[in-house]
Amino acid sequence: MSPDRDRFPLIMKWTYSIKHKITTASLLFGVILVVLLINSNQRKQIEDLKSAFETIYRDRLVAESYILDFSEKLHDMYDVINDPHLPYVKKQEIANRILGEIDTLNHLYEATRLTEEEARYFGHFTGLTHEMDIRLQAGDLASEAPIIRSALLDLNSLSEIQLVEADKLKSETDKIFSMGSILLQFEMVVLIVIGLLIQALFFASKTSKGFRIPKNPNLN
């Protein structure tokens, strides 16, 4: 038998082994790539969730607390100017202090992120509080009551906006959680499939070790 014919089975086994190693390496690279992509997406989802929760706290919960403070102070002012037992000068003094506190709250509320609709209502509200101050300085307490009622209506609208925006943010976080769950399931399926392929390749590689090309006894 010629030397070339003896080397032929070895060459085939070597080629088969190299092919399997390349395929296995490619599959392992695919595993690494999938894991990296999923992890990158998960980091982005974490950042999105962090941003959403910060927005809910800073621009919705804090804003709602300001609205409650506004409402409380306006009700206090309404009670003061309609209190028959308080002297006129005392009413002016207390009303002036309350309007000063409301002005401070105006600046705090304005620092939150306002939607277009929210900015419109808040602009109308601050205009009303400015009008209250003008009438207070003019000594016209009698006309303050209807302005206070109008301002309270603006606060009610602003409070409803907080609920609507908070619900939108909740929907966004629900979508993020849902997408994260889908990606996790996809990752598991891909890893299982690739794992099965690698196992099949190893099994095929072990089987190929027993492969022998039968020798023809007549070939010498």
N, C-alpha and C. Protein backbone atom coordinates (compact mmCIF):
# COMPACT_ATOMS: atom_id res chain seq x y z
N MET A 1 0.87 -1.20 0.00
CA MET A 1 0.00 0.00 0.00
C MET A 1 0.89 1.23 0.00
N SER A 2 0.50 2.26 -0.78
CA SER A 2 1.32 3.45 -0.92
C SER A 2 1.24 4.30 0.33
N PRO A 3 2.31 5.11 0.64
CA PRO A 3 2.31 5.99 1.81
C PRO A 3 1.20 7.02 1.74
N ASP A 4 0.91 7.54 0.53
CA ASP A 4 -0.15 8.55 0.39
C ASP A 4 -1.48 7.99 0.82
N ARG A 5 -1.73 6.73 0.47
CA ARG A 5 -3.01 6.13 0.83
C ARG A 5 -3.09 5.93 2.35
N ASP A 6 -1.96 5.69 3.00
CA ASP A 6 -1.96 5.52 4.46
C ASP A 6 -2.23 6.85 5.17
N ARG A 7 -1.74 7.93 4.56
CA ARG A 7 -1.93 9.24 5.20
C ARG A 7 -3.33 9.79 4.99
N PHE A 8 -4.05 9.27 4.02
CA PHE A 8 -5.37 9.83 3.68
C PHE A 8 -6.35 9.84 4.85
N PRO A 9 -6.49 8.74 5.61
CA PRO A 9 -7.42 8.77 6.76
C PRO A 9 -7.02 9.80 7.80
N LEU A 10 -5.70 9.96 8.02
CA LEU A 10 -5.23 10.94 9.00
C LEU A 10 -5.57 12.36 8.56
N ILE A 11 -5.40 12.63 7.27
CA ILE A 11 -5.72 13.96 6.75
C ILE A 11 -7.20 14.25 6.90
N MET A 12 -8.02 13.25 6.61
CA MET A 12 -9.47 13.44 6.74
C MET A 12 -9.86 13.70 8.18
N LYS A 13 -9.27 12.96 9.12
CA LYS A 13 -9.58 13.15 10.54
C LYS A 13 -9.12 14.54 11.01
N TRP A 14 -7.94 14.94 10.53
CA TRP A 14 -7.41 16.26 10.92
C TRP A 14 -8.31 17.38 10.39
N THR A 15 -8.71 17.24 9.12
CA THR A 15 -9.59 18.24 8.51
C THR A 15 -10.93 18.28 9.23
N TYR A 16 -11.45 17.12 9.54
CA TYR A 16 -12.75 17.03 10.25
C TYR A 16 -12.65 17.68 11.63
N SER A 17 -11.52 17.43 12.31
CA SER A 17 -11.31 17.99 13.65
C SER A 17 -11.21 19.51 13.60
N ILE A 18 -10.45 20.02 12.64
CA ILE A 18 -10.30 21.48 12.49
C ILE A 18 -11.65 22.12 12.20
N LYS A 19 -12.42 21.50 11.32
CA LYS A 19 -13.73 22.04 10.96
C LYS A 19 -14.63 22.13 12.18
N HIS A 20 -14.61 21.10 13.02
CA HIS A 20 -15.44 21.09 14.22
C HIS A 20 -14.97 22.13 15.23
N LYS A 21 -13.66 22.28 15.34
CA LYS A 21 -13.12 23.28 16.27
C LYS A 21 -13.51 24.69 15.85
N ILE A 22 -13.45 24.95 14.56
CA ILE A 22 -13.84 26.27 14.05
C ILE A 22 -15.32 26.51 14.30
N THR A 23 -16.14 25.50 14.04
CA THR A 23 -17.58 25.63 14.27
C THR A 23 -17.88 25.86 15.74
N THR A 24 -17.21 25.08 16.59
CA THR A 24 -17.41 25.23 18.04
C THR A 24 -17.00 26.61 18.51
N ALA A 25 -15.84 27.07 18.02
CA ALA A 25 -15.36 28.40 18.40
C ALA A 25 -16.35 29.48 17.95
N SER A 26 -16.91 29.29 16.75
CA SER A 26 -17.89 30.26 16.24
C SER A 26 -19.14 30.29 17.12
N LEU A 27 -19.58 29.11 17.54
CA LEU A 27 -20.76 29.04 18.40
C LEU A 27 -20.48 29.67 19.76
N LEU A 28 -19.29 29.42 20.31
CA LEU A 28 -18.93 30.03 21.59
C LEU A 28 -18.85 31.55 21.46
N PHE A 29 -18.31 32.01 20.33
CA PHE A 29 -18.27 33.45 20.08
C PHE A 29 -19.69 34.01 20.01
N GLY A 30 -20.59 33.21 19.39
CA GLY A 30 -21.99 33.63 19.32
C GLY A 30 -22.61 33.76 20.70
N VAL A 31 -22.27 32.81 21.60
CA VAL A 31 -22.76 32.88 22.98
C VAL A 31 -22.30 34.17 23.65
N ILE A 32 -21.00 34.44 23.52
CA ILE A 32 -20.43 35.65 24.13
C ILE A 32 -21.10 36.90 23.57
N LEU A 33 -21.31 36.91 22.25
CA LEU A 33 -21.91 38.07 21.60
C LEU A 33 -23.34 38.29 22.09
N VAL A 34 -24.11 37.20 22.18
CA VAL A 34 -25.50 37.31 22.65
C VAL A 34 -25.54 37.84 24.08
N VAL A 35 -24.68 37.29 24.94
CA VAL A 35 -24.65 37.73 26.34
C VAL A 35 -24.28 39.20 26.45
N LEU A 36 -23.29 39.63 25.65
CA LEU A 36 -22.88 41.04 25.68
C LEU A 36 -24.00 41.96 25.22
N LEU A 37 -24.68 41.56 24.15
CA LEU A 37 -25.78 42.38 23.63
C LEU A 37 -26.92 42.47 24.64
N ILE A 38 -27.27 41.35 25.25
CA ILE A 38 -28.35 41.34 26.25
C ILE A 38 -27.96 42.19 27.45
N ASN A 39 -26.71 42.05 27.91
CA ASN A 39 -26.26 42.84 29.06
C ASN A 39 -26.25 44.33 28.76
N SER A 40 -25.85 44.67 27.53
CA SER A 40 -25.85 46.08 27.13
C SER A 40 -27.27 46.63 27.14
N ASN A 41 -28.20 45.83 26.62
CA ASN A 41 -29.60 46.27 26.60
C ASN A 41 -30.16 46.38 28.01
N GLN A 42 -29.76 45.46 28.88
CA GLN A 42 -30.24 45.50 30.27
C GLN A 42 -29.72 46.73 30.99
N ARG A 43 -28.47 47.11 30.71
CA ARG A 43 -27.93 48.33 31.32
C ARG A 43 -28.72 49.55 30.88
N LYS A 44 -29.09 49.57 29.59
CA LYS A 44 -29.89 50.68 29.08
C LYS A 44 -31.26 50.70 29.75
N GLN A 45 -31.85 49.52 29.94
CA GLN A 45 -33.15 49.44 30.59
C GLN A 45 -33.08 49.93 32.04
N ILE A 46 -31.98 49.60 32.72
CA ILE A 46 -31.80 50.07 34.10
C ILE A 46 -31.72 51.59 34.13
N GLU A 47 -30.99 52.18 33.18
CA GLU A 47 -30.89 53.64 33.11
C GLU A 47 -32.25 54.27 32.81
N ASP A 48 -33.01 53.62 31.91
CA ASP A 48 -34.34 54.14 31.58
C ASP A 48 -35.27 54.08 32.80
N LEU A 49 -35.19 52.98 33.54
CA LEU A 49 -36.00 52.85 34.75
C LEU A 49 -35.60 53.88 35.80
N LYS A 50 -34.30 54.08 35.95
CA LYS A 50 -33.81 55.07 36.91
C LYS A 50 -34.32 56.45 36.55
N SER A 51 -34.25 56.78 35.25
CA SER A 51 -34.74 58.08 34.80
C SER A 51 -36.24 58.23 35.03
N ALA A 52 -36.99 57.16 34.76
CA ALA A 52 -38.45 57.20 34.95
C ALA A 52 -38.82 57.39 36.41
N PHE A 53 -38.14 56.66 37.30
CA PHE A 53 -38.44 56.78 38.73
C PHE A 53 -38.04 58.16 39.26
N GLU A 54 -36.92 58.70 38.76
CA GLU A 54 -36.51 60.04 39.18
C GLU A 54 -37.53 61.08 38.73
N THR A 55 -38.05 60.89 37.52
CA THR A 55 -39.06 61.82 37.01
C THR A 55 -40.34 61.74 37.83
N ILE A 56 -40.75 60.51 38.17
CA ILE A 56 -41.95 60.35 38.99
C ILE A 56 -41.79 61.06 40.32
N TYR A 57 -40.61 60.91 40.92
CA TYR A 57 -40.39 61.54 42.23
C TYR A 57 -40.24 63.06 42.11
N ARG A 58 -39.29 63.48 41.23
CA ARG A 58 -38.94 64.90 41.17
C ARG A 58 -40.03 65.75 40.54
N ASP A 59 -40.60 65.29 39.43
CA ASP A 59 -41.51 66.13 38.67
C ASP A 59 -42.98 65.82 38.90
N ARG A 60 -43.29 64.74 39.60
CA ARG A 60 -44.69 64.41 39.83
C ARG A 60 -45.04 64.38 41.32
N LEU A 61 -44.34 63.57 42.10
CA LEU A 61 -44.65 63.51 43.53
C LEU A 61 -44.32 64.82 44.24
N VAL A 62 -43.15 65.37 43.93
CA VAL A 62 -42.76 66.65 44.54
C VAL A 62 -43.70 67.75 44.08
N ALA A 63 -44.03 67.76 42.79
CA ALA A 63 -44.95 68.77 42.26
C ALA A 63 -46.31 68.66 42.94
N GLU A 64 -46.77 67.44 43.15
CA GLU A 64 -48.06 67.24 43.82
C GLU A 64 -48.01 67.75 45.26
N SER A 65 -46.87 67.59 45.92
CA SER A 65 -46.74 68.10 47.30
C SER A 65 -46.81 69.63 47.30
N TYR A 66 -46.24 70.27 46.26
CA TYR A 66 -46.34 71.73 46.15
C TYR A 66 -47.79 72.16 45.94
N ILE A 67 -48.51 71.40 45.12
CA ILE A 67 -49.92 71.72 44.86
C ILE A 67 -50.73 71.64 46.15
N LEU A 68 -50.45 70.64 46.97
CA LEU A 68 -51.14 70.53 48.26
C LEU A 68 -50.82 71.71 49.16
N ASP A 69 -49.55 72.14 49.13
CA ASP A 69 -49.15 73.32 49.93
C ASP A 69 -49.86 74.58 49.42
N PHE A 70 -49.92 74.73 48.09
CA PHE A 70 -50.64 75.87 47.50
C PHE A 70 -52.08 75.89 48.00
N SER A 71 -52.72 74.73 47.89
CA SER A 71 -54.13 74.63 48.25
C SER A 71 -54.36 74.96 49.72
N GLU A 72 -53.49 74.44 50.56
CA GLU A 72 -53.62 74.70 52.00
C GLU A 72 -53.49 76.19 52.31
N LYS A 73 -52.53 76.84 51.67
CA LYS A 73 -52.30 78.26 51.94
C LYS A 73 -53.44 79.13 51.39
N LEU A 74 -53.97 78.76 50.24
CA LEU A 74 -55.10 79.52 49.68
C LEU A 74 -56.35 79.37 50.55
N HIS A 75 -56.58 78.18 51.07
CA HIS A 75 -57.72 77.98 51.97
C HIS A 75 -57.52 78.78 53.26
N ASP A 76 -56.28 78.81 53.75
CA ASP A 76 -56.00 79.61 54.95
C ASP A 76 -56.27 81.09 54.69
N MET A 77 -55.84 81.54 53.50
CA MET A 77 -56.05 82.95 53.15
C MET A 77 -57.54 83.26 53.01
N TYR A 78 -58.27 82.34 52.41
CA TYR A 78 -59.72 82.53 52.25
C TYR A 78 -60.39 82.63 53.62
N ASP A 79 -59.99 81.76 54.54
CA ASP A 79 -60.58 81.78 55.89
C ASP A 79 -60.25 83.08 56.61
N VAL A 80 -59.02 83.56 56.42
CA VAL A 80 -58.59 84.78 57.11
C VAL A 80 -59.37 86.00 56.64
N ILE A 81 -59.46 86.18 55.33
CA ILE A 81 -60.12 87.39 54.82
C ILE A 81 -61.63 87.36 55.06
N ASN A 82 -62.18 86.17 55.35
CA ASN A 82 -63.62 86.07 55.62
C ASN A 82 -63.93 85.89 57.11
N ASP A 83 -62.89 86.02 57.95
CA ASP A 83 -63.09 85.89 59.40
C ASP A 83 -63.62 87.21 59.96
N PRO A 84 -64.86 87.23 60.44
CA PRO A 84 -65.45 88.49 60.94
C PRO A 84 -64.83 88.96 62.26
N HIS A 85 -64.09 88.10 62.92
CA HIS A 85 -63.53 88.46 64.23
C HIS A 85 -62.13 89.07 64.13
N LEU A 86 -61.51 88.98 62.96
CA LEU A 86 -60.17 89.53 62.80
C LEU A 86 -60.24 90.98 62.33
N PRO A 87 -59.42 91.87 62.92
CA PRO A 87 -59.37 93.25 62.44
C PRO A 87 -58.77 93.31 61.04
N TYR A 88 -59.12 94.35 60.31
CA TYR A 88 -58.72 94.49 58.91
C TYR A 88 -57.19 94.46 58.76
N VAL A 89 -56.50 95.16 59.64
CA VAL A 89 -55.03 95.23 59.55
C VAL A 89 -54.41 93.84 59.75
N LYS A 90 -54.97 93.08 60.67
CA LYS A 90 -54.47 91.73 60.92
C LYS A 90 -54.70 90.84 59.71
N LYS A 91 -55.85 91.01 59.07
CA LYS A 91 -56.13 90.23 57.86
C LYS A 91 -55.08 90.53 56.78
N GLN A 92 -54.77 91.81 56.60
CA GLN A 92 -53.77 92.20 55.61
C GLN A 92 -52.40 91.60 55.94
N GLU A 93 -52.05 91.62 57.20
CA GLU A 93 -50.75 91.11 57.63
C GLU A 93 -50.62 89.61 57.34
N ILE A 94 -51.65 88.86 57.72
CA ILE A 94 -51.61 87.40 57.50
C ILE A 94 -51.66 87.07 56.01
N ALA A 95 -52.53 87.76 55.27
CA ALA A 95 -52.66 87.52 53.83
C ALA A 95 -51.35 87.84 53.11
N ASN A 96 -50.66 88.89 53.54
CA ASN A 96 -49.39 89.27 52.93
C ASN A 96 -48.33 88.19 53.17
N ARG A 97 -48.32 87.63 54.39
CA ARG A 97 -47.37 86.56 54.71
C ARG A 97 -47.67 85.31 53.87
N ILE A 98 -48.94 84.97 53.75
CA ILE A 98 -49.32 83.79 52.97
C ILE A 98 -48.93 83.95 51.50
N LEU A 99 -49.16 85.13 50.94
CA LEU A 99 -48.81 85.37 49.53
C LEU A 99 -47.29 85.30 49.33
N GLY A 100 -46.53 85.71 50.35
CA GLY A 100 -45.07 85.58 50.27
C GLY A 100 -44.65 84.12 50.21
N GLU A 101 -45.31 83.29 51.01
CA GLU A 101 -45.02 81.85 51.01
C GLU A 101 -45.44 81.22 49.68
N ILE A 102 -46.55 81.67 49.13
CA ILE A 102 -47.01 81.17 47.83
C ILE A 102 -46.02 81.54 46.73
N ASP A 103 -45.47 82.75 46.81
CA ASP A 103 -44.49 83.18 45.81
C ASP A 103 -43.24 82.28 45.85
N THR A 104 -42.83 81.91 47.06
CA THR A 104 -41.69 80.99 47.19
C THR A 104 -42.01 79.64 46.55
N LEU A 105 -43.22 79.15 46.80
CA LEU A 105 -43.65 77.89 46.20
C LEU A 105 -43.72 77.98 44.68
N ASN A 106 -44.11 79.16 44.18
CA ASN A 106 -44.17 79.35 42.72
C ASN A 106 -42.82 79.07 42.07
N HIS A 107 -41.76 79.57 42.69
CA HIS A 107 -40.40 79.37 42.14
C HIS A 107 -40.00 77.90 42.24
N LEU A 108 -40.38 77.25 43.32
CA LEU A 108 -40.04 75.83 43.47
C LEU A 108 -40.78 74.97 42.44
N TYR A 109 -42.06 75.27 42.25
CA TYR A 109 -42.86 74.50 41.29
C TYR A 109 -42.36 74.73 39.87
N GLU A 110 -41.98 75.96 39.59
CA GLU A 110 -41.50 76.30 38.24
C GLU A 110 -40.22 75.55 37.90
N ALA A 111 -39.45 75.16 38.93
CA ALA A 111 -38.19 74.45 38.71
C ALA A 111 -38.40 72.99 38.31
N THR A 112 -39.61 72.46 38.49
CA THR A 112 -39.89 71.09 38.05
C THR A 112 -40.12 71.09 36.54
N ARG A 113 -40.08 69.90 35.94
CA ARG A 113 -40.29 69.82 34.49
C ARG A 113 -41.78 69.88 34.20
N LEU A 114 -42.17 70.91 33.47
CA LEU A 114 -43.59 71.13 33.19
C LEU A 114 -43.94 70.68 31.77
N THR A 115 -45.09 70.05 31.64
CA THR A 115 -45.60 69.76 30.31
C THR A 115 -46.19 71.05 29.74
N GLU A 116 -46.50 71.03 28.45
CA GLU A 116 -47.06 72.23 27.82
C GLU A 116 -48.38 72.64 28.47
N GLU A 117 -49.24 71.66 28.72
CA GLU A 117 -50.53 71.94 29.35
C GLU A 117 -50.33 72.42 30.78
N GLU A 118 -49.41 71.79 31.47
CA GLU A 118 -49.13 72.15 32.87
C GLU A 118 -48.61 73.58 32.95
N ALA A 119 -47.72 73.95 32.04
CA ALA A 119 -47.16 75.30 32.03
C ALA A 119 -48.26 76.34 31.79
N ARG A 120 -49.24 76.00 30.97
CA ARG A 120 -50.34 76.93 30.69
C ARG A 120 -51.18 77.17 31.94
N TYR A 121 -51.55 76.10 32.63
CA TYR A 121 -52.34 76.26 33.86
C TYR A 121 -51.53 76.97 34.95
N PHE A 122 -50.25 76.62 35.04
CA PHE A 122 -49.42 77.23 36.09
C PHE A 122 -49.21 78.72 35.81
N GLY A 123 -49.07 79.07 34.52
CA GLY A 123 -48.93 80.48 34.16
C GLY A 123 -50.17 81.27 34.57
N HIS A 124 -51.34 80.67 34.36
CA HIS A 124 -52.59 81.32 34.76
C HIS A 124 -52.67 81.44 36.28
N PHE A 125 -52.22 80.40 36.97
CA PHE A 125 -52.24 80.40 38.44
C PHE A 125 -51.34 81.50 39.00
N THR A 126 -50.11 81.61 38.49
CA THR A 126 -49.19 82.64 39.00
C THR A 126 -49.72 84.04 38.69
N GLY A 127 -50.42 84.16 37.55
CA GLY A 127 -51.05 85.45 37.24
C GLY A 127 -52.10 85.82 38.27
N LEU A 128 -52.86 84.83 38.72
CA LEU A 128 -53.88 85.07 39.75
C LEU A 128 -53.25 85.44 41.09
N THR A 129 -52.17 84.75 41.46
CA THR A 129 -51.52 85.08 42.74
C THR A 129 -50.92 86.49 42.69
N HIS A 130 -50.43 86.89 41.52
CA HIS A 130 -49.91 88.25 41.36
C HIS A 130 -51.05 89.27 41.50
N GLU A 131 -52.20 88.94 40.92
CA GLU A 131 -53.37 89.82 41.03
C GLU A 131 -53.83 89.92 42.49
N MET A 132 -53.76 88.82 43.23
CA MET A 132 -54.11 88.86 44.66
C MET A 132 -53.21 89.84 45.40
N ASP A 133 -51.93 89.79 45.09
CA ASP A 133 -50.97 90.66 45.77
C ASP A 133 -51.25 92.13 45.45
N ILE A 134 -51.58 92.41 44.19
CA ILE A 134 -51.88 93.79 43.79
C ILE A 134 -53.09 94.30 44.57
N ARG A 135 -54.13 93.49 44.66
CA ARG A 135 -55.34 93.91 45.37
C ARG A 135 -55.11 94.02 46.88
N LEU A 136 -54.23 93.15 47.39
CA LEU A 136 -53.91 93.22 48.81
C LEU A 136 -53.20 94.53 49.13
N GLN A 137 -52.25 94.90 48.29
CA GLN A 137 -51.53 96.15 48.51
C GLN A 137 -52.45 97.36 48.37
N ALA A 138 -53.48 97.20 47.55
CA ALA A 138 -54.45 98.29 47.38
C ALA A 138 -55.49 98.30 48.49
N GLY A 139 -55.44 97.29 49.37
CA GLY A 139 -56.39 97.22 50.47
C GLY A 139 -57.75 96.68 50.07
N ASP A 140 -57.81 96.01 48.92
CA ASP A 140 -59.08 95.48 48.41
C ASP A 140 -59.20 93.99 48.74
N LEU A 141 -59.44 93.68 49.99
CA LEU A 141 -59.58 92.28 50.41
C LEU A 141 -60.91 91.67 49.98
N ALA A 142 -61.91 92.50 49.80
CA ALA A 142 -63.25 92.00 49.48
C ALA A 142 -63.28 91.26 48.14
N SER A 143 -62.40 91.65 47.20
CA SER A 143 -62.42 91.02 45.87
C SER A 143 -61.45 89.83 45.76
N GLU A 144 -60.82 89.45 46.86
CA GLU A 144 -59.85 88.36 46.81
C GLU A 144 -60.52 86.98 46.69
N ALA A 145 -61.70 86.82 47.29
CA ALA A 145 -62.35 85.51 47.36
C ALA A 145 -62.57 84.85 45.98
N PRO A 146 -63.15 85.56 44.99
CA PRO A 146 -63.35 84.91 43.69
C PRO A 146 -62.04 84.55 43.00
N ILE A 147 -60.99 85.34 43.24
CA ILE A 147 -59.68 85.03 42.64
C ILE A 147 -59.11 83.76 43.27
N ILE A 148 -59.29 83.64 44.58
CA ILE A 148 -58.82 82.43 45.27
C ILE A 148 -59.53 81.20 44.74
N ARG A 149 -60.84 81.30 44.53
CA ARG A 149 -61.60 80.15 44.00
C ARG A 149 -61.11 79.78 42.61
N SER A 150 -60.82 80.78 41.79
CA SER A 150 -60.30 80.51 40.45
C SER A 150 -58.92 79.84 40.52
N ALA A 151 -58.09 80.30 41.46
CA ALA A 151 -56.75 79.71 41.62
C ALA A 151 -56.85 78.26 42.07
N LEU A 152 -57.82 77.96 42.93
CA LEU A 152 -58.02 76.58 43.38
C LEU A 152 -58.44 75.67 42.23
N LEU A 153 -59.20 76.21 41.29
CA LEU A 153 -59.57 75.42 40.11
C LEU A 153 -58.33 75.08 39.28
N ASP A 154 -57.42 76.05 39.16
CA ASP A 154 -56.16 75.79 38.45
C ASP A 154 -55.36 74.69 39.15
N LEU A 155 -55.34 74.73 40.47
CA LEU A 155 -54.62 73.71 41.23
C LEU A 155 -55.23 72.33 41.02
N ASN A 156 -56.55 72.27 40.92
CA ASN A 156 -57.22 71.00 40.67
C ASN A 156 -56.81 70.44 39.30
N SER A 157 -56.73 71.32 38.31
CA SER A 157 -56.30 70.90 36.97
C SER A 157 -54.85 70.43 36.99
N LEU A 158 -54.00 71.15 37.72
CA LEU A 158 -52.59 70.76 37.82
C LEU A 158 -52.44 69.40 38.50
N SER A 159 -53.26 69.16 39.50
CA SER A 159 -53.21 67.87 40.20
C SER A 159 -53.63 66.73 39.28
N GLU A 160 -54.64 66.96 38.45
CA GLU A 160 -55.07 65.94 37.50
C GLU A 160 -53.97 65.64 36.48
N ILE A 161 -53.23 66.68 36.10
CA ILE A 161 -52.12 66.49 35.15
C ILE A 161 -51.05 65.59 35.77
N GLN A 162 -50.80 65.76 37.06
CA GLN A 162 -49.80 64.91 37.74
C GLN A 162 -50.20 63.44 37.65
N LEU A 163 -51.48 63.17 37.84
CA LEU A 163 -51.97 61.79 37.77
C LEU A 163 -51.82 61.22 36.36
N VAL A 164 -52.16 62.04 35.36
CA VAL A 164 -52.06 61.58 33.97
C VAL A 164 -50.61 61.29 33.60
N GLU A 165 -49.70 62.21 33.95
CA GLU A 165 -48.29 62.04 33.62
C GLU A 165 -47.68 60.87 34.38
N ALA A 166 -48.08 60.71 35.64
CA ALA A 166 -47.57 59.57 36.42
C ALA A 166 -48.04 58.25 35.81
N ASP A 167 -49.27 58.22 35.30
CA ASP A 167 -49.78 57.01 34.66
C ASP A 167 -49.01 56.70 33.38
N LYS A 168 -48.63 57.75 32.63
CA LYS A 168 -47.82 57.55 31.43
C LYS A 168 -46.47 56.96 31.78
N LEU A 169 -45.86 57.48 32.84
CA LEU A 169 -44.56 56.97 33.27
C LEU A 169 -44.67 55.52 33.73
N LYS A 170 -45.78 55.20 34.39
CA LYS A 170 -45.99 53.82 34.83
C LYS A 170 -46.08 52.89 33.62
N SER A 171 -46.77 53.36 32.57
CA SER A 171 -46.90 52.55 31.35
C SER A 171 -45.52 52.33 30.72
N GLU A 172 -44.68 53.37 30.75
CA GLU A 172 -43.33 53.25 30.19
C GLU A 172 -42.50 52.22 30.96
N THR A 173 -42.59 52.27 32.29
CA THR A 173 -41.83 51.31 33.10
C THR A 173 -42.36 49.89 32.88
N ASP A 174 -43.67 49.75 32.70
CA ASP A 174 -44.24 48.42 32.42
C ASP A 174 -43.69 47.87 31.10
N LYS A 175 -43.56 48.74 30.09
CA LYS A 175 -43.02 48.31 28.80
C LYS A 175 -41.56 47.89 28.94
N ILE A 176 -40.80 48.64 29.76
CA ILE A 176 -39.39 48.31 29.97
C ILE A 176 -39.26 46.95 30.64
N PHE A 177 -40.08 46.72 31.68
CA PHE A 177 -40.05 45.42 32.36
C PHE A 177 -40.45 44.29 31.42
N SER A 178 -41.47 44.54 30.59
CA SER A 178 -41.94 43.52 29.65
C SER A 178 -40.86 43.19 28.62
N MET A 179 -40.20 44.23 28.09
CA MET A 179 -39.14 44.01 27.11
C MET A 179 -37.97 43.26 27.73
N GLY A 180 -37.66 43.60 28.99
CA GLY A 180 -36.57 42.90 29.68
C GLY A 180 -36.88 41.42 29.84
N SER A 181 -38.13 41.10 30.14
CA SER A 181 -38.54 39.70 30.29
C SER A 181 -38.43 38.95 28.96
N ILE A 182 -38.84 39.61 27.87
CA ILE A 182 -38.76 38.99 26.54
C ILE A 182 -37.31 38.72 26.15
N LEU A 183 -36.44 39.71 26.40
CA LEU A 183 -35.02 39.56 26.05
C LEU A 183 -34.37 38.45 26.87
N LEU A 184 -34.76 38.35 28.14
CA LEU A 184 -34.21 37.29 28.99
C LEU A 184 -34.62 35.92 28.46
N GLN A 185 -35.87 35.78 28.05
CA GLN A 185 -36.34 34.51 27.50
C GLN A 185 -35.62 34.19 26.19
N PHE A 186 -35.42 35.24 25.36
CA PHE A 186 -34.71 35.05 24.10
C PHE A 186 -33.27 34.59 24.36
N GLU A 187 -32.64 35.22 25.35
CA GLU A 187 -31.26 34.85 25.70
C GLU A 187 -31.20 33.38 26.11
N MET A 188 -32.15 32.94 26.93
CA MET A 188 -32.15 31.56 27.39
C MET A 188 -32.33 30.59 26.23
N VAL A 189 -33.24 30.92 25.31
CA VAL A 189 -33.48 30.05 24.15
C VAL A 189 -32.23 29.94 23.28
N VAL A 190 -31.60 31.09 23.00
CA VAL A 190 -30.39 31.10 22.17
C VAL A 190 -29.28 30.29 22.82
N LEU A 191 -29.08 30.49 24.12
CA LEU A 191 -28.02 29.76 24.82
C LEU A 191 -28.28 28.26 24.83
N ILE A 192 -29.55 27.88 25.01
CA ILE A 192 -29.89 26.45 25.01
C ILE A 192 -29.63 25.84 23.64
N VAL A 193 -30.05 26.54 22.58
CA VAL A 193 -29.85 26.04 21.21
C VAL A 193 -28.37 25.90 20.90
N ILE A 194 -27.59 26.94 21.24
CA ILE A 194 -26.15 26.88 20.97
C ILE A 194 -25.49 25.79 21.80
N GLY A 195 -25.95 25.63 23.05
CA GLY A 195 -25.41 24.56 23.90
C GLY A 195 -25.67 23.19 23.31
N LEU A 196 -26.87 22.99 22.78
CA LEU A 196 -27.20 21.71 22.14
C LEU A 196 -26.36 21.47 20.89
N LEU A 197 -26.12 22.53 20.12
CA LEU A 197 -25.28 22.40 18.92
C LEU A 197 -23.85 22.03 19.28
N ILE A 198 -23.33 22.68 20.34
CA ILE A 198 -21.97 22.36 20.78
C ILE A 198 -21.89 20.91 21.25
N GLN A 199 -22.90 20.48 22.01
CA GLN A 199 -22.94 19.10 22.49
C GLN A 199 -22.99 18.12 21.31
N ALA A 200 -23.77 18.47 20.30
CA ALA A 200 -23.87 17.61 19.11
C ALA A 200 -22.53 17.52 18.39
N LEU A 201 -21.81 18.66 18.34
CA LEU A 201 -20.51 18.66 17.68
C LEU A 201 -19.50 17.80 18.43
N PHE A 202 -19.51 17.91 19.76
CA PHE A 202 -18.61 17.07 20.55
C PHE A 202 -18.93 15.59 20.36
N PHE A 203 -20.21 15.27 20.33
CA PHE A 203 -20.62 13.88 20.13
C PHE A 203 -20.16 13.39 18.76
N ALA A 204 -20.35 14.25 17.75
CA ALA A 204 -19.93 13.87 16.40
C ALA A 204 -18.42 13.71 16.33
N SER A 205 -17.70 14.57 17.09
CA SER A 205 -16.24 14.49 17.10
C SER A 205 -15.76 13.18 17.71
N LYS A 206 -16.43 12.78 18.82
CA LYS A 206 -16.06 11.51 19.47
C LYS A 206 -16.37 10.33 18.56
N THR A 207 -17.48 10.42 17.85
CA THR A 207 -17.87 9.34 16.94
C THR A 207 -16.87 9.20 15.80
N SER A 208 -16.36 10.37 15.36
CA SER A 208 -15.43 10.35 14.22
C SER A 208 -14.10 9.71 14.58
N LYS A 209 -13.77 9.66 15.90
CA LYS A 209 -12.51 9.04 16.29
C LYS A 209 -12.50 7.54 15.99
N GLY A 210 -13.69 6.96 15.99
CA GLY A 210 -13.77 5.53 15.69
C GLY A 210 -13.89 5.25 14.21
N PHE A 211 -13.87 6.34 13.43
CA PHE A 211 -14.04 6.19 11.99
C PHE A 211 -12.78 5.61 11.36
N ARG A 212 -12.92 4.59 10.61
CA ARG A 212 -11.78 3.98 9.91
C ARG A 212 -12.18 3.69 8.47
N ILE A 213 -11.29 4.02 7.55
CA ILE A 213 -11.53 3.67 6.15
C ILE A 213 -11.07 2.23 5.95
N PRO A 214 -11.96 1.37 5.57
CA PRO A 214 -11.58 -0.06 5.42
C PRO A 214 -10.49 -0.24 4.37
N LYS A 215 -9.55 -1.08 4.73
CA LYS A 215 -8.47 -1.34 3.80
C LYS A 215 -8.85 -2.48 2.86
N ASN A 216 -8.50 -2.29 1.62
CA ASN A 216 -8.73 -3.35 0.64
C ASN A 216 -7.51 -4.28 0.66
N PRO A 217 -7.68 -5.50 1.10
CA PRO A 217 -6.52 -6.41 1.20
C PRO A 217 -5.89 -6.69 -0.15
N ASN A 218 -6.62 -6.43 -1.21
CA ASN A 218 -6.06 -6.68 -2.53
C ASN A 218 -5.14 -5.57 -2.99
N LEU A 219 -5.20 -4.38 -2.22
CA LEU A 219 -4.36 -3.25 -2.62
C LEU A 219 -3.05 -3.32 -1.85
N ASN A 220 -2.00 -3.70 -2.48
CA ASN A 220 -0.69 -3.79 -1.84
C ASN A 220 0.35 -3.10 -2.72
